[in-house]
N, C-alpha and C. Protein backbone atom coordinates (compact mmCIF):
# COMPACT_ATOMS: atom_id res chain seq x y z
N MET A 1 69.82 150.42 154.14
CA MET A 1 71.32 150.02 153.60
C MET A 1 71.31 149.73 152.26
N LEU A 2 70.29 149.36 151.66
CA LEU A 2 70.09 148.98 150.15
C LEU A 2 70.14 150.34 149.36
N MET A 3 69.42 151.37 149.91
CA MET A 3 69.38 152.61 149.45
C MET A 3 70.76 153.43 149.31
N ARG A 4 71.44 153.12 150.54
CA ARG A 4 72.45 153.88 150.84
C ARG A 4 73.58 153.44 150.01
N GLY A 5 73.75 152.25 149.55
CA GLY A 5 74.59 151.64 148.63
C GLY A 5 74.33 152.05 147.16
N MET A 6 73.09 152.17 146.75
CA MET A 6 72.79 152.80 145.62
C MET A 6 73.40 154.14 145.44
N LEU A 7 73.32 155.05 146.48
CA LEU A 7 73.64 156.26 146.30
C LEU A 7 75.27 156.60 146.29
N ASP A 8 75.82 155.79 146.61
CA ASP A 8 77.18 155.84 146.77
C ASP A 8 77.84 155.71 145.43
N ALA A 9 79.06 156.66 145.01
CA ALA A 9 79.68 156.77 143.91
C ALA A 9 80.29 155.47 143.67
N PRO A 10 80.45 155.11 142.41
CA PRO A 10 81.28 153.99 142.06
C PRO A 10 82.90 154.28 142.69
N GLU A 11 83.57 153.12 142.74
CA GLU A 11 85.12 153.46 142.91
C GLU A 11 85.67 154.09 141.97
N GLY A 12 86.57 154.89 142.42
CA GLY A 12 87.30 155.55 141.48
C GLY A 12 86.92 156.97 141.21
N ILE A 13 85.36 157.28 141.16
CA ILE A 13 85.06 158.40 141.07
C ILE A 13 84.72 159.34 142.10
N ASP A 14 85.22 160.72 142.11
CA ASP A 14 85.01 161.66 143.11
C ASP A 14 83.67 162.48 143.04
N ALA A 15 82.82 161.96 143.90
CA ALA A 15 81.43 162.60 143.70
C ALA A 15 81.46 163.98 143.83
N GLU A 16 82.30 164.36 144.57
CA GLU A 16 82.46 165.98 144.73
C GLU A 16 82.88 166.80 143.53
N ALA A 17 83.89 166.18 143.03
CA ALA A 17 84.14 166.79 141.71
C ALA A 17 83.27 166.58 140.46
N ALA A 18 82.51 165.26 140.55
CA ALA A 18 81.54 165.15 139.53
C ALA A 18 80.32 166.09 139.66
N THR A 19 79.97 166.31 140.98
CA THR A 19 78.97 167.38 141.07
C THR A 19 79.28 168.61 140.74
N THR A 20 80.49 169.05 141.05
CA THR A 20 80.99 170.45 140.61
C THR A 20 81.06 170.40 139.10
N GLN A 21 81.64 169.52 138.34
CA GLN A 21 81.44 169.45 137.00
C GLN A 21 80.17 169.61 136.40
N LEU A 22 79.32 169.07 136.84
CA LEU A 22 77.71 168.72 136.66
C LEU A 22 77.11 170.14 136.78
N ILE A 23 77.56 170.90 137.86
CA ILE A 23 76.78 172.23 137.98
C ILE A 23 77.43 173.24 137.02
N GLU A 24 78.80 173.13 136.81
CA GLU A 24 79.23 173.95 135.93
C GLU A 24 78.99 173.82 134.35
N ASP A 25 78.46 172.42 134.10
CA ASP A 25 78.17 171.98 132.88
C ASP A 25 76.66 172.74 132.87
N LEU A 26 75.83 172.70 133.55
CA LEU A 26 74.17 173.16 133.58
C LEU A 26 74.47 174.70 133.61
N GLN A 27 75.30 175.18 134.16
CA GLN A 27 75.30 176.69 134.04
C GLN A 27 75.74 177.10 132.68
N ILE A 28 76.64 176.53 132.10
CA ILE A 28 77.01 176.77 130.65
C ILE A 28 75.90 176.72 129.69
N LEU A 29 75.09 175.53 129.87
CA LEU A 29 74.03 175.28 129.11
C LEU A 29 73.04 176.25 129.11
N ASN A 30 72.79 176.82 130.48
CA ASN A 30 71.94 177.71 130.58
C ASN A 30 72.27 178.93 129.96
N LYS A 31 73.56 179.31 130.07
CA LYS A 31 74.04 180.42 129.51
C LYS A 31 73.68 180.55 127.89
N ILE A 32 74.11 179.30 127.29
CA ILE A 32 73.99 179.26 125.87
C ILE A 32 72.52 179.24 125.57
N SER A 33 71.73 178.46 126.24
CA SER A 33 70.24 178.66 125.88
C SER A 33 69.54 179.98 126.09
N ASN A 34 70.09 180.99 126.87
CA ASN A 34 69.65 182.26 127.17
C ASN A 34 70.33 183.34 126.23
N THR A 35 71.48 182.79 125.49
CA THR A 35 72.01 183.78 124.56
C THR A 35 71.27 183.68 123.17
N ARG A 36 71.26 184.84 122.71
CA ARG A 36 70.42 185.06 121.26
C ARG A 36 71.52 184.73 120.23
N TYR A 37 72.75 185.18 120.31
CA TYR A 37 73.89 184.73 119.40
C TYR A 37 74.95 184.12 120.18
N LEU A 38 75.33 182.99 119.59
CA LEU A 38 76.83 182.58 120.09
C LEU A 38 78.12 183.21 119.59
N ARG A 39 77.95 183.92 118.60
CA ARG A 39 78.99 184.86 117.94
C ARG A 39 78.53 186.03 118.13
N ALA A 40 79.43 187.02 118.16
CA ALA A 40 79.23 188.64 118.40
C ALA A 40 78.86 188.95 117.04
N GLN A 41 77.55 189.59 116.91
CA GLN A 41 77.20 190.34 115.70
C GLN A 41 77.83 191.58 115.33
N ASN A 42 78.14 191.68 114.23
CA ASN A 42 78.80 193.19 113.77
C ASN A 42 77.78 193.94 113.12
N ARG A 43 77.34 195.25 113.38
CA ARG A 43 76.36 195.82 112.80
C ARG A 43 76.96 196.18 111.51
N VAL A 44 75.79 196.11 110.47
CA VAL A 44 76.12 196.38 108.99
C VAL A 44 75.52 197.66 108.94
N PRO A 45 76.61 198.66 108.29
CA PRO A 45 76.11 199.90 107.89
C PRO A 45 75.10 199.83 106.84
N LYS A 46 74.00 200.73 106.83
CA LYS A 46 73.25 200.67 106.12
C LYS A 46 72.78 202.27 105.71
N SER A 47 72.48 202.37 104.44
CA SER A 47 72.27 203.94 104.07
C SER A 47 71.18 203.80 102.76
N GLY A 48 69.93 203.74 103.10
CA GLY A 48 69.25 203.38 102.13
C GLY A 48 68.70 204.69 101.28
N ASN A 49 67.97 204.35 99.94
CA ASN A 49 67.65 205.48 99.43
C ASN A 49 66.41 205.59 99.26
N LEU A 50 65.69 204.83 99.88
CA LEU A 50 63.97 204.79 100.00
C LEU A 50 63.34 206.14 100.12
N HIS A 51 63.83 206.83 101.12
CA HIS A 51 63.38 208.41 101.39
C HIS A 51 63.22 209.13 99.99
N LEU A 52 63.99 208.77 98.93
CA LEU A 52 63.97 209.48 97.78
C LEU A 52 62.50 209.21 96.99
N ALA A 53 61.71 208.02 97.26
CA ALA A 53 60.49 207.95 96.79
C ALA A 53 59.58 208.90 97.27
N PHE A 54 59.89 209.06 98.41
CA PHE A 54 58.79 210.15 99.19
C PHE A 54 59.09 211.55 98.79
N SER A 55 60.45 211.75 98.52
CA SER A 55 60.54 213.13 97.82
C SER A 55 60.06 213.36 96.61
N TYR A 56 60.15 212.19 95.54
CA TYR A 56 59.40 212.32 94.47
C TYR A 56 58.11 212.58 94.34
N ALA A 57 57.35 211.72 95.51
CA ALA A 57 55.98 212.20 95.56
C ALA A 57 55.47 213.45 95.78
N GLN A 58 56.50 214.36 96.13
CA GLN A 58 56.19 215.62 96.43
C GLN A 58 55.72 216.59 95.03
N ASN A 59 56.51 216.24 93.87
CA ASN A 59 56.52 217.09 92.74
C ASN A 59 56.20 216.06 91.69
N PRO A 60 54.83 216.77 91.07
CA PRO A 60 54.39 215.93 89.76
C PRO A 60 55.22 215.58 88.76
N SER A 61 56.33 216.77 88.55
CA SER A 61 57.23 216.27 87.48
C SER A 61 58.20 214.99 87.86
N ASP A 62 58.24 214.64 89.18
CA ASP A 62 59.20 213.62 89.52
C ASP A 62 58.16 212.29 89.91
N TYR A 63 56.97 212.30 89.69
CA TYR A 63 56.12 211.13 89.79
C TYR A 63 56.38 210.00 89.00
N GLY A 64 57.27 209.98 87.85
CA GLY A 64 57.76 208.77 87.06
C GLY A 64 58.73 208.37 87.72
N ARG A 65 59.46 209.19 88.76
CA ARG A 65 60.79 208.54 89.45
C ARG A 65 60.27 207.81 90.37
N PHE A 66 59.05 208.13 91.24
CA PHE A 66 58.30 207.40 92.18
C PHE A 66 57.92 206.24 91.49
N THR A 67 57.18 206.10 90.60
CA THR A 67 56.76 204.82 89.90
C THR A 67 57.80 204.04 89.24
N ASN A 68 58.96 204.57 88.96
CA ASN A 68 60.11 203.71 88.75
C ASN A 68 60.52 202.75 90.07
N MET A 69 60.65 203.59 91.18
CA MET A 69 61.14 202.91 92.33
C MET A 69 59.96 201.91 92.81
N LEU A 70 58.90 202.32 93.01
CA LEU A 70 57.89 201.39 93.72
C LEU A 70 56.93 200.82 92.74
N ARG A 71 56.88 201.24 91.45
CA ARG A 71 56.09 200.50 90.37
C ARG A 71 54.60 200.85 90.39
N VAL A 72 54.07 201.70 91.20
CA VAL A 72 52.75 202.25 91.31
C VAL A 72 52.88 203.75 91.50
N SER A 73 51.78 204.74 90.90
CA SER A 73 51.91 206.10 91.15
C SER A 73 51.58 206.37 92.68
N PRO A 74 52.26 207.47 92.88
CA PRO A 74 51.81 208.08 94.21
C PRO A 74 50.46 208.06 94.72
N HIS A 75 49.34 208.33 93.62
CA HIS A 75 48.23 208.23 93.85
C HIS A 75 47.74 206.76 94.42
N VAL A 76 48.03 205.67 93.46
CA VAL A 76 47.58 204.40 93.85
C VAL A 76 48.28 203.91 95.32
N PHE A 77 49.61 204.61 95.57
CA PHE A 77 50.19 204.21 96.88
C PHE A 77 49.53 204.65 97.98
N HIS A 78 48.84 205.79 97.82
CA HIS A 78 48.36 206.25 98.99
C HIS A 78 46.87 205.76 99.08
N VAL A 79 46.45 205.25 97.96
CA VAL A 79 45.02 204.55 98.03
C VAL A 79 45.11 203.29 98.75
N LEU A 80 46.33 202.59 98.42
CA LEU A 80 46.48 201.16 98.93
C LEU A 80 46.90 201.27 100.40
N LEU A 81 47.91 202.56 100.81
CA LEU A 81 48.04 202.71 102.05
C LEU A 81 46.86 202.98 102.81
N GLY A 82 45.93 203.73 102.44
CA GLY A 82 44.59 204.02 103.31
C GLY A 82 43.96 202.76 103.46
N LEU A 83 43.78 201.78 102.60
CA LEU A 83 42.98 200.49 102.52
C LEU A 83 43.71 199.48 103.82
N ILE A 84 45.14 199.70 103.94
CA ILE A 84 45.58 198.68 104.74
C ILE A 84 46.15 199.13 106.04
N GLU A 85 46.43 200.27 106.10
CA GLU A 85 47.13 201.13 107.42
C GLU A 85 46.30 200.75 108.88
N ASP A 86 45.14 200.58 108.65
CA ASP A 86 44.48 200.11 109.97
C ASP A 86 44.52 198.53 110.37
N HIS A 87 44.94 197.91 109.88
CA HIS A 87 44.86 196.39 109.74
C HIS A 87 45.58 196.07 111.01
N PRO A 88 45.20 195.20 111.89
CA PRO A 88 45.62 194.87 113.15
C PRO A 88 47.15 194.26 112.93
N VAL A 89 47.67 193.77 111.88
CA VAL A 89 48.89 193.20 111.70
C VAL A 89 49.97 194.17 111.91
N PHE A 90 49.46 195.68 112.13
CA PHE A 90 50.61 196.57 111.74
C PHE A 90 50.52 197.24 113.38
N PHE A 91 49.79 196.52 114.35
CA PHE A 91 49.80 196.94 115.82
C PHE A 91 50.56 195.92 116.60
N ASN A 92 51.25 196.32 117.68
CA ASN A 92 51.85 195.40 118.60
C ASN A 92 51.81 195.88 119.99
N ASN A 93 51.92 195.19 121.03
CA ASN A 93 51.57 195.46 122.46
C ASN A 93 53.10 195.74 122.95
N SER A 94 54.22 195.84 121.95
CA SER A 94 55.59 196.04 122.43
C SER A 94 55.86 197.45 122.85
N ASN A 95 57.03 197.55 123.56
CA ASN A 95 57.48 198.97 123.86
C ASN A 95 58.20 199.47 122.70
N VAL A 96 58.55 198.61 121.66
CA VAL A 96 59.14 199.04 120.57
C VAL A 96 58.28 199.16 119.35
N PRO A 97 57.89 200.12 118.87
CA PRO A 97 56.92 200.30 117.77
C PRO A 97 57.15 199.96 116.41
N GLN A 98 56.24 199.30 115.74
CA GLN A 98 56.75 199.01 114.15
C GLN A 98 57.21 200.05 113.48
N THR A 99 57.84 200.02 112.48
CA THR A 99 58.06 200.85 111.48
C THR A 99 56.84 201.40 110.87
N ALA A 100 56.94 202.83 110.44
CA ALA A 100 55.84 203.14 109.89
C ALA A 100 55.02 202.43 108.67
N VAL A 101 53.80 202.23 108.45
CA VAL A 101 53.03 201.33 107.72
C VAL A 101 53.35 201.95 106.33
N GLU A 102 53.84 203.19 106.09
CA GLU A 102 53.95 203.74 104.54
C GLU A 102 55.41 203.10 104.24
N ILE A 103 56.25 203.17 105.14
CA ILE A 103 57.57 202.43 104.83
C ILE A 103 57.56 201.13 104.47
N GLN A 104 56.86 200.24 105.45
CA GLN A 104 56.68 198.71 105.12
C GLN A 104 56.02 198.52 103.82
N LEU A 105 54.96 199.40 103.46
CA LEU A 105 54.39 199.34 101.92
C LEU A 105 55.53 199.48 101.08
N ALA A 106 56.13 200.85 101.24
CA ALA A 106 57.16 201.28 100.24
C ALA A 106 58.20 200.09 100.08
N VAL A 107 58.59 199.36 101.18
CA VAL A 107 59.70 198.32 100.97
C VAL A 107 59.20 197.05 100.27
N THR A 108 57.89 196.76 100.70
CA THR A 108 57.17 195.75 99.90
C THR A 108 56.91 195.89 98.27
N LEU A 109 56.44 197.15 97.96
CA LEU A 109 56.25 197.36 96.51
C LEU A 109 57.78 197.48 95.77
N PHE A 110 58.96 198.10 96.56
CA PHE A 110 60.19 198.11 95.85
C PHE A 110 60.45 196.64 95.79
N ARG A 111 60.35 195.83 96.51
CA ARG A 111 60.96 194.54 96.65
C ARG A 111 60.02 193.84 95.28
N MET A 112 58.70 194.22 95.31
CA MET A 112 57.90 193.32 94.22
C MET A 112 58.06 193.68 92.79
N GLY A 113 58.97 194.89 92.75
CA GLY A 113 59.40 195.46 91.34
C GLY A 113 60.50 194.91 90.96
N ARG A 114 61.15 194.08 91.77
CA ARG A 114 62.65 193.58 91.21
C ARG A 114 62.80 192.37 90.91
N PHE A 115 63.59 192.05 90.16
CA PHE A 115 63.58 190.68 89.71
C PHE A 115 65.31 190.12 89.46
N GLY A 116 65.43 189.05 89.18
CA GLY A 116 67.01 188.50 89.04
C GLY A 116 67.70 188.84 90.56
N ASN A 117 69.14 188.99 90.16
CA ASN A 117 69.72 189.39 91.22
C ASN A 117 69.43 190.47 92.02
N ALA A 118 68.78 191.55 91.62
CA ALA A 118 68.26 192.82 92.22
C ALA A 118 67.33 192.46 93.13
N ALA A 119 66.73 191.48 92.99
CA ALA A 119 65.48 190.89 94.16
C ALA A 119 66.05 190.20 95.34
N SER A 120 67.28 189.84 95.55
CA SER A 120 67.74 189.39 96.73
C SER A 120 67.56 190.07 97.99
N LEU A 121 67.29 189.45 98.79
CA LEU A 121 66.71 190.00 100.30
C LEU A 121 68.07 191.22 100.66
N GLU A 122 69.44 190.69 100.26
CA GLU A 122 70.43 191.50 100.73
C GLU A 122 70.30 193.08 100.02
N ASP A 123 70.13 192.59 98.50
CA ASP A 123 69.99 194.00 97.79
C ASP A 123 68.83 194.69 98.06
N ILE A 124 67.67 193.96 98.38
CA ILE A 124 66.52 195.00 98.93
C ILE A 124 66.78 195.69 100.17
N ALA A 125 67.39 195.14 101.08
CA ALA A 125 67.65 195.55 102.37
C ALA A 125 68.87 196.91 102.37
N ARG A 126 69.59 196.45 101.60
CA ARG A 126 70.82 197.50 101.30
C ARG A 126 70.04 198.83 100.62
N ASN A 127 69.26 198.59 99.60
CA ASN A 127 68.98 199.65 99.01
C ASN A 127 67.65 200.72 99.82
N CYS A 128 67.06 199.83 100.51
CA CYS A 128 66.04 200.46 101.84
C CYS A 128 66.68 200.80 103.13
N GLY A 129 67.88 200.41 103.42
CA GLY A 129 68.46 200.75 104.69
C GLY A 129 67.95 200.32 105.75
N ILE A 130 67.54 198.81 105.51
CA ILE A 130 67.32 197.93 106.51
C ILE A 130 67.62 196.68 106.80
N SER A 131 67.35 195.83 107.64
CA SER A 131 67.91 194.44 107.45
C SER A 131 66.87 193.42 106.93
N GLU A 132 67.66 192.31 106.30
CA GLU A 132 67.06 191.33 105.46
C GLU A 132 65.73 190.88 106.36
N GLY A 133 65.89 190.44 107.58
CA GLY A 133 64.56 190.15 108.47
C GLY A 133 63.41 191.17 108.21
N SER A 134 63.84 192.43 108.17
CA SER A 134 62.67 193.62 108.30
C SER A 134 61.99 193.44 106.69
N VAL A 135 62.99 193.09 105.70
CA VAL A 135 62.22 193.05 104.46
C VAL A 135 61.43 191.95 104.32
N GLU A 136 61.57 190.82 105.02
CA GLU A 136 60.85 189.71 105.12
C GLU A 136 59.50 190.02 105.94
N GLY A 137 59.79 190.63 107.27
CA GLY A 137 58.47 190.82 108.02
C GLY A 137 57.56 191.97 107.33
N PHE A 138 58.24 192.94 106.67
CA PHE A 138 57.44 194.12 106.22
C PHE A 138 56.55 193.48 105.01
N THR A 139 57.17 192.70 104.34
CA THR A 139 56.58 191.99 103.06
C THR A 139 55.45 191.05 103.54
N LYS A 140 55.91 190.19 104.73
CA LYS A 140 54.60 189.43 105.22
C LYS A 140 53.34 190.28 105.78
N ARG A 141 53.61 191.24 106.49
CA ARG A 141 52.62 192.01 106.96
C ARG A 141 51.84 192.68 106.06
N CYS A 142 52.40 193.35 105.01
CA CYS A 142 51.81 193.80 103.93
C CYS A 142 50.95 192.90 103.27
N PHE A 143 51.48 191.81 102.95
CA PHE A 143 50.78 190.87 102.13
C PHE A 143 49.65 190.27 102.97
N ASP A 144 49.74 190.12 104.19
CA ASP A 144 48.53 189.70 105.15
C ASP A 144 47.39 190.80 105.12
N ALA A 145 47.83 191.99 105.29
CA ALA A 145 46.77 193.22 105.13
C ALA A 145 45.98 193.15 103.86
N ILE A 146 46.84 193.08 102.67
CA ILE A 146 46.28 193.12 101.17
C ILE A 146 45.30 192.04 101.06
N GLU A 147 45.53 190.70 101.79
CA GLU A 147 44.93 189.54 101.46
C GLU A 147 43.66 189.64 102.10
N ALA A 148 43.56 190.45 103.09
CA ALA A 148 42.47 190.31 104.03
C ALA A 148 41.43 191.47 103.49
N LEU A 149 41.67 192.01 102.23
CA LEU A 149 40.87 192.79 101.49
C LEU A 149 40.29 192.00 100.24
N HIS A 150 40.66 190.58 100.38
CA HIS A 150 40.18 189.85 99.12
C HIS A 150 38.62 189.96 98.97
N ASP A 151 37.70 189.73 100.12
CA ASP A 151 36.27 189.70 99.89
C ASP A 151 35.67 190.87 99.49
N THR A 152 36.40 192.22 100.08
CA THR A 152 36.17 193.44 99.71
C THR A 152 35.89 193.64 98.15
N PHE A 153 37.11 193.12 97.33
CA PHE A 153 37.26 193.29 96.06
C PHE A 153 37.14 192.28 94.97
N VAL A 154 36.74 190.87 95.52
CA VAL A 154 36.58 189.81 94.65
C VAL A 154 35.57 189.10 94.96
């Protein structure tokens, strides 16, 4: 009898309505916690020019343009790429493959060669035709791979 009295709803409260409201609130909370974005995300059009660097690397007379974009010669780029491309940071077990290591390295070098307003994530992303998050991810992975070479060269 004591237990029954403790489970009864206080006077003036409709237990069935309160239970229904609680269930609805829990469903809303569940939906919010399982939603990646609370507001709709608009796709940002991107049309980068990073592909030009790889075109410049094809012709020795354009090597200066490649170096101007990535701050290293095509030869140094390929040596560095060869040193880091097999690092585990560039591999995952996802159904979505990572961007090619050469692109990740090019974005990282492009970013490192900028300063002032041109070094903003937004500007780097726009110039490379990728998202700001990708710029950060590419840079982190390349630095992880390069730092792993420390004991080999120092």
